[in-house]
C-alpha atoms as a PDB file:
ATOM      1  CA  MET A   1      15.181 -49.669  18.945  1.00  0.00           C
ATOM      2  CA  ASP A   2      14.204 -53.329  18.963  1.00  0.00           C
ATOM      3  CA  LYS A   3      10.835 -54.795  18.056  1.00  0.00           C
ATOM      4  CA  ILE A   4      10.106 -58.247  19.467  1.00  0.00           C
ATOM      5  CA  ILE A   5       6.624 -59.674  19.010  1.00  0.00           C
ATOM      6  CA  VAL A   6       4.915 -63.051  19.231  1.00  0.00           C
ATOM      7  CA  GLN A   7       1.630 -62.932  17.336  1.00  0.00           C
ATOM      8  CA  SER A   8      -0.907 -65.075  15.513  1.00  0.00           C
ATOM      9  CA  GLY A   9      -1.369 -62.696  12.575  1.00  0.00           C
ATOM     10  CA  ASP A  10       0.828 -62.462   9.501  1.00  0.00           C
ATOM     11  CA  PHE A  11       3.475 -59.772   8.934  1.00  0.00           C
ATOM     12  CA  ASP A  12       4.490 -57.643   5.950  1.00  0.00           C
ATOM     13  CA  LEU A  13       8.211 -57.693   5.168  1.00  0.00           C
ATOM     14  CA  SER A  14       8.259 -54.346   3.332  1.00  0.00           C
ATOM     15  CA  VAL A  15       6.419 -52.577   6.149  1.00  0.00           C
ATOM     16  CA  GLU A  16       8.739 -54.042   8.785  1.00  0.00           C
ATOM     17  CA  VAL A  17      11.896 -53.113   6.830  1.00  0.00           C
ATOM     18  CA  LYS A  18      10.643 -49.545   6.544  1.00  0.00           C
ATOM     19  CA  LEU A  19      10.031 -49.448  10.294  1.00  0.00           C
ATOM     20  CA  ALA A  20      13.487 -50.908  10.986  1.00  0.00           C
ATOM     21  CA  LYS A  21      15.080 -48.058   9.015  1.00  0.00           C
ATOM     22  CA  ALA A  22      13.065 -45.396  10.848  1.00  0.00           C
ATOM     23  CA  ASN A  23      14.931 -42.562   9.112  1.00  0.00           C
ATOM     24  CA  ASN A  24      18.212 -43.632  10.712  1.00  0.00           C
ATOM     25  CA  SER A  25      20.903 -42.248   8.402  1.00  0.00           C
ATOM     26  CA  SER A  26      23.657 -44.333  10.037  1.00  0.00           C
ATOM     27  CA  ILE A  27      22.205 -47.598   8.701  1.00  0.00           C
ATOM     28  CA  GLY A  28      24.319 -48.978   5.893  1.00  0.00           C
ATOM     29  CA  ALA A  29      22.867 -52.490   5.739  1.00  0.00           C
ATOM     30  CA  ILE A  30      19.613 -54.273   6.425  1.00  0.00           C
ATOM     31  CA  VAL A  31      19.449 -58.058   6.361  1.00  0.00           C
ATOM     32  CA  SER A  32      16.184 -59.941   6.707  1.00  0.00           C
ATOM     33  CA  PHE A  33      15.188 -63.561   7.050  1.00  0.00           C
ATOM     34  CA  VAL A  34      11.676 -64.925   6.546  1.00  0.00           C
ATOM     35  CA  GLY A  35      11.034 -68.501   7.589  1.00  0.00           C
ATOM     36  CA  THR A  36       8.062 -70.323   6.089  1.00  0.00           C
ATOM     37  CA  VAL A  37       6.159 -73.542   6.704  1.00  0.00           C
ATOM     38  CA  ARG A  38       7.528 -76.202   4.398  1.00  0.00           C
ATOM     39  CA  ASP A  39       6.560 -79.759   3.646  1.00  0.00           C
ATOM     40  CA  LEU A  40       9.749 -81.680   4.391  1.00  0.00           C
ATOM     41  CA  GLN A  41      10.268 -84.911   2.496  1.00  0.00           C
ATOM     42  CA  SER A  42       6.741 -84.795   1.032  1.00  0.00           C
ATOM     43  CA  LYS A  43       5.000 -85.830   4.228  1.00  0.00           C
ATOM     44  CA  SER A  44       1.777 -84.320   2.883  1.00  0.00           C
ATOM     45  CA  LEU A  45       1.837 -81.724   5.623  1.00  0.00           C
ATOM     46  CA  ASN A  46      -1.522 -80.062   6.092  1.00  0.00           C
ATOM     47  CA  THR A  47      -0.741 -77.669   8.932  1.00  0.00           C
ATOM     48  CA  MET A  48       1.842 -76.808  11.553  1.00  0.00           C
ATOM     49  CA  THR A  49       0.694 -75.571  14.934  1.00  0.00           C
ATOM     50  CA  LEU A  50       3.085 -73.450  16.973  1.00  0.00           C
ATOM     51  CA  GLU A  51       2.590 -73.023  20.695  1.00  0.00           C
ATOM     52  CA  HIS A  52       4.532 -70.958  23.201  1.00  0.00           C
ATOM     53  CA  TYR A  53       4.642 -69.982  26.836  1.00  0.00           C
ATOM     54  CA  PRO A  54       3.525 -66.308  27.003  1.00  0.00           C
ATOM     55  CA  GLY A  55       5.962 -64.070  28.821  1.00  0.00           C
ATOM     56  CA  MET A  56       8.731 -66.652  28.890  1.00  0.00           C
ATOM     57  CA  THR A  57       8.958 -66.734  25.093  1.00  0.00           C
ATOM     58  CA  GLU A  58       9.228 -62.966  24.728  1.00  0.00           C
ATOM     59  CA  LYS A  59      11.916 -62.836  27.433  1.00  0.00           C
ATOM     60  CA  SER A  60      13.851 -65.522  25.603  1.00  0.00           C
ATOM     61  CA  LEU A  61      13.672 -63.555  22.337  1.00  0.00           C
ATOM     62  CA  GLU A  62      14.781 -60.384  24.149  1.00  0.00           C
ATOM     63  CA  LEU A  63      17.776 -62.268  25.575  1.00  0.00           C
ATOM     64  CA  ILE A  64      18.722 -63.514  22.094  1.00  0.00           C
ATOM     65  CA  ALA A  65      18.546 -59.934  20.783  1.00  0.00           C
ATOM     66  CA  LYS A  66      20.704 -58.755  23.697  1.00  0.00           C
ATOM     67  CA  LYS A  67      23.309 -61.428  22.919  1.00  0.00           C
ATOM     68  CA  ALA A  68      23.392 -60.214  19.312  1.00  0.00           C
ATOM     69  CA  ARG A  69      23.859 -56.622  20.497  1.00  0.00           C
ATOM     70  CA  ASP A  70      26.699 -57.767  22.770  1.00  0.00           C
ATOM     71  CA  ASN A  71      28.522 -59.178  19.732  1.00  0.00           C
ATOM     72  CA  TRP A  72      27.775 -56.591  17.027  1.00  0.00           C
ATOM     73  CA  GLU A  73      27.048 -52.878  16.795  1.00  0.00           C
ATOM     74  CA  LEU A  74      23.444 -52.921  15.609  1.00  0.00           C
ATOM     75  CA  GLN A  75      21.051 -50.106  14.873  1.00  0.00           C
ATOM     76  CA  SER A  76      17.854 -52.147  15.189  1.00  0.00           C
ATOM     77  CA  ILE A  77      16.578 -55.689  15.563  1.00  0.00           C
ATOM     78  CA  THR A  78      13.124 -56.936  14.642  1.00  0.00           C
ATOM     79  CA  ILE A  79      11.948 -60.401  15.618  1.00  0.00           C
ATOM     80  CA  ILE A  80       8.376 -61.387  14.823  1.00  0.00           C
ATOM     81  CA  HIS A  81       7.374 -64.993  15.451  1.00  0.00           C
ATOM     82  CA  ARG A  82       3.941 -66.346  14.711  1.00  0.00           C
ATOM     83  CA  ILE A  83       1.947 -68.826  16.759  1.00  0.00           C
ATOM     84  CA  GLY A  84      -1.219 -70.781  16.055  1.00  0.00           C
ATOM     85  CA  THR A  85      -2.093 -73.041  13.168  1.00  0.00           C
ATOM     86  CA  LEU A  86      -0.295 -72.287   9.898  1.00  0.00           C
ATOM     87  CA  GLU A  87      -0.476 -73.854   6.460  1.00  0.00           C
ATOM     88  CA  VAL A  88       2.319 -74.805   4.052  1.00  0.00           C
ATOM     89  CA  ASN A  89       4.003 -71.665   2.643  1.00  0.00           C
ATOM     90  CA  ASP A  90       2.713 -69.421   5.452  1.00  0.00           C
ATOM     91  CA  GLN A  91       5.286 -67.139   7.045  1.00  0.00           C
ATOM     92  CA  ILE A  92       6.441 -68.235  10.502  1.00  0.00           C
ATOM     93  CA  VAL A  93       9.258 -65.934  11.550  1.00  0.00           C
ATOM     94  CA  LEU A  94      10.819 -62.633  10.535  1.00  0.00           C
ATOM     95  CA  VAL A  95      14.222 -61.381  11.642  1.00  0.00           C
ATOM     96  CA  ILE A  96      15.473 -57.991  10.453  1.00  0.00           C
ATOM     97  CA  VAL A  97      18.821 -56.579  11.511  1.00  0.00           C
ATOM     98  CA  ALA A  98      20.031 -53.094  10.639  1.00  0.00           C
ATOM     99  CA  SER A  99      23.643 -52.037  11.139  1.00  0.00           C
ATOM    100  CA  LYS A 100      26.272 -49.678   9.801  1.00  0.00           C
ATOM    101  CA  HIS A 101      28.038 -52.466   7.924  1.00  0.00           C
ATOM    102  CA  ARG A 102      26.773 -55.436   5.907  1.00  0.00           C
ATOM    103  CA  GLN A 103      28.886 -58.142   7.532  1.00  0.00           C
ATOM    104  CA  GLU A 104      27.556 -57.269  10.990  1.00  0.00           C
ATOM    105  CA  ALA A 105      24.020 -57.426   9.607  1.00  0.00           C
ATOM    106  CA  PHE A 106      24.556 -60.820   7.929  1.00  0.00           C
ATOM    107  CA  ASP A 107      26.363 -62.360  10.900  1.00  0.00           C
ATOM    108  CA  SER A 108      23.935 -61.101  13.525  1.00  0.00           C
ATOM    109  CA  CYS A 109      20.893 -62.228  11.537  1.00  0.00           C
ATOM    110  CA  ASN A 110      22.370 -65.743  11.264  1.00  0.00           C
ATOM    111  CA  PHE A 111      23.233 -65.687  14.959  1.00  0.00           C
ATOM    112  CA  ILE A 112      19.701 -64.681  15.948  1.00  0.00           C
ATOM    113  CA  MET A 113      18.144 -67.417  13.821  1.00  0.00           C
ATOM    114  CA  ASP A 114      20.542 -70.069  15.144  1.00  0.00           C
ATOM    115  CA  TYR A 115      19.700 -69.158  18.751  1.00  0.00           C
ATOM    116  CA  LEU A 116      15.997 -68.774  18.008  1.00  0.00           C
ATOM    117  CA  LYS A 117      15.847 -72.325  16.602  1.00  0.00           C
ATOM    118  CA  THR A 118      17.417 -73.815  19.737  1.00  0.00           C
ATOM    119  CA  ASP A 119      16.723 -71.523  22.691  1.00  0.00           C
ATOM    120  CA  ALA A 120      13.307 -69.950  22.105  1.00  0.00           C
ATOM    121  CA  PRO A 121      10.483 -71.896  23.792  1.00  0.00           C
ATOM    122  CA  PHE A 122       8.220 -72.725  20.853  1.00  0.00           C
ATOM    123  CA  TRP A 123       6.618 -76.107  20.305  1.00  0.00           C
ATOM    124  CA  LYS A 124       5.687 -77.288  16.811  1.00  0.00           C
ATOM    125  CA  LYS A 125       3.143 -79.932  15.928  1.00  0.00           C
ATOM    126  CA  GLU A 126       2.879 -81.167  12.344  1.00  0.00           C
ATOM    127  CA  SER A 127      -0.453 -82.468  11.058  1.00  0.00           C
ATOM    128  CA  THR A 128      -0.711 -84.700   8.012  1.00  0.00           C
ATOM    129  CA  GLU A 129      -3.650 -86.654   6.654  1.00  0.00           C
ATOM    130  CA  ASN A 130      -2.635 -89.662   8.766  1.00  0.00           C
ATOM    131  CA  LYS A 131      -1.235 -88.301  12.012  1.00  0.00           C
ATOM    132  CA  GLU A 132      -0.184 -85.447  14.259  1.00  0.00           C
ATOM    133  CA  GLU A 133       3.261 -85.367  15.833  1.00  0.00           C
ATOM    134  CA  TRP A 134       5.366 -82.937  17.819  1.00  0.00           C
ATOM    135  CA  VAL A 135       8.590 -81.888  16.103  1.00  0.00           C
ATOM    136  CA  GLU A 136      11.707 -82.837  18.043  1.00  0.00           C
ATOM    137  CA  ALA A 137      14.753 -80.576  18.353  1.00  0.00           C
ATOM    138  CA  ARG A 138      17.370 -81.330  15.714  1.00  0.00           C
ATOM    139  CA  ALA A 139      21.037 -81.907  16.506  1.00  0.00           C
ATOM    140  CA  LYS A 140      21.866 -79.974  13.333  1.00  0.00           C
ATOM    141  CA  ASP A 141      20.312 -76.809  14.826  1.00  0.00           C
ATOM    142  CA  GLU A 142      22.358 -77.153  18.019  1.00  0.00           C
ATOM    143  CA  LYS A 143      25.519 -77.609  15.951  1.00  0.00           C
ATOM    144  CA  GLN A 144      24.723 -74.434  13.997  1.00  0.00           C
ATOM    145  CA  LYS A 145      24.308 -72.496  17.247  1.00  0.00           C
ATOM    146  CA  ASN A 146      27.555 -73.859  18.676  1.00  0.00           C
ATOM    147  CA  ARG A 147      29.584 -72.299  15.877  1.00  0.00           C
ATOM    148  CA  TRP A 148      29.060 -68.908  17.577  1.00  0.00           C
ATOM    149  CA  LYS A 149      30.602 -69.992  20.865  1.00  0.00           C
ATOM    150  CA  SER A 150      34.230 -69.100  21.359  1.00  0.00           C
END
């Protein structure tokens, strides 16, 4: 069963991993990714604000999870993405993938993150002491996603 949530509150990795297992004895591997707010290139980042389009964002995340399921045999997928104003080192996103085999778990977790970075409708605004600016999409993220296309 998949868990896909967009929320303002924080999440607990250990709790979510336990839920992803859910007493499923066929799970042989669980891979997780936690993304955090970072201060790139010492910009003196104070906060990052994440906005989304309710309904559309969740559908986009569900589609990404479906694409992962189409490519790998997965037991469960968890995607939790936070919105609102976050500070440096706060958790932003959690992806947990459970599968029978480790390689499927690793690959599908990478796949989900690559698609999430490029296809999920989130908007990020960075605030420093001097200015606020919206974060533009990076060509590097699109290139990472394109490696999955055959």
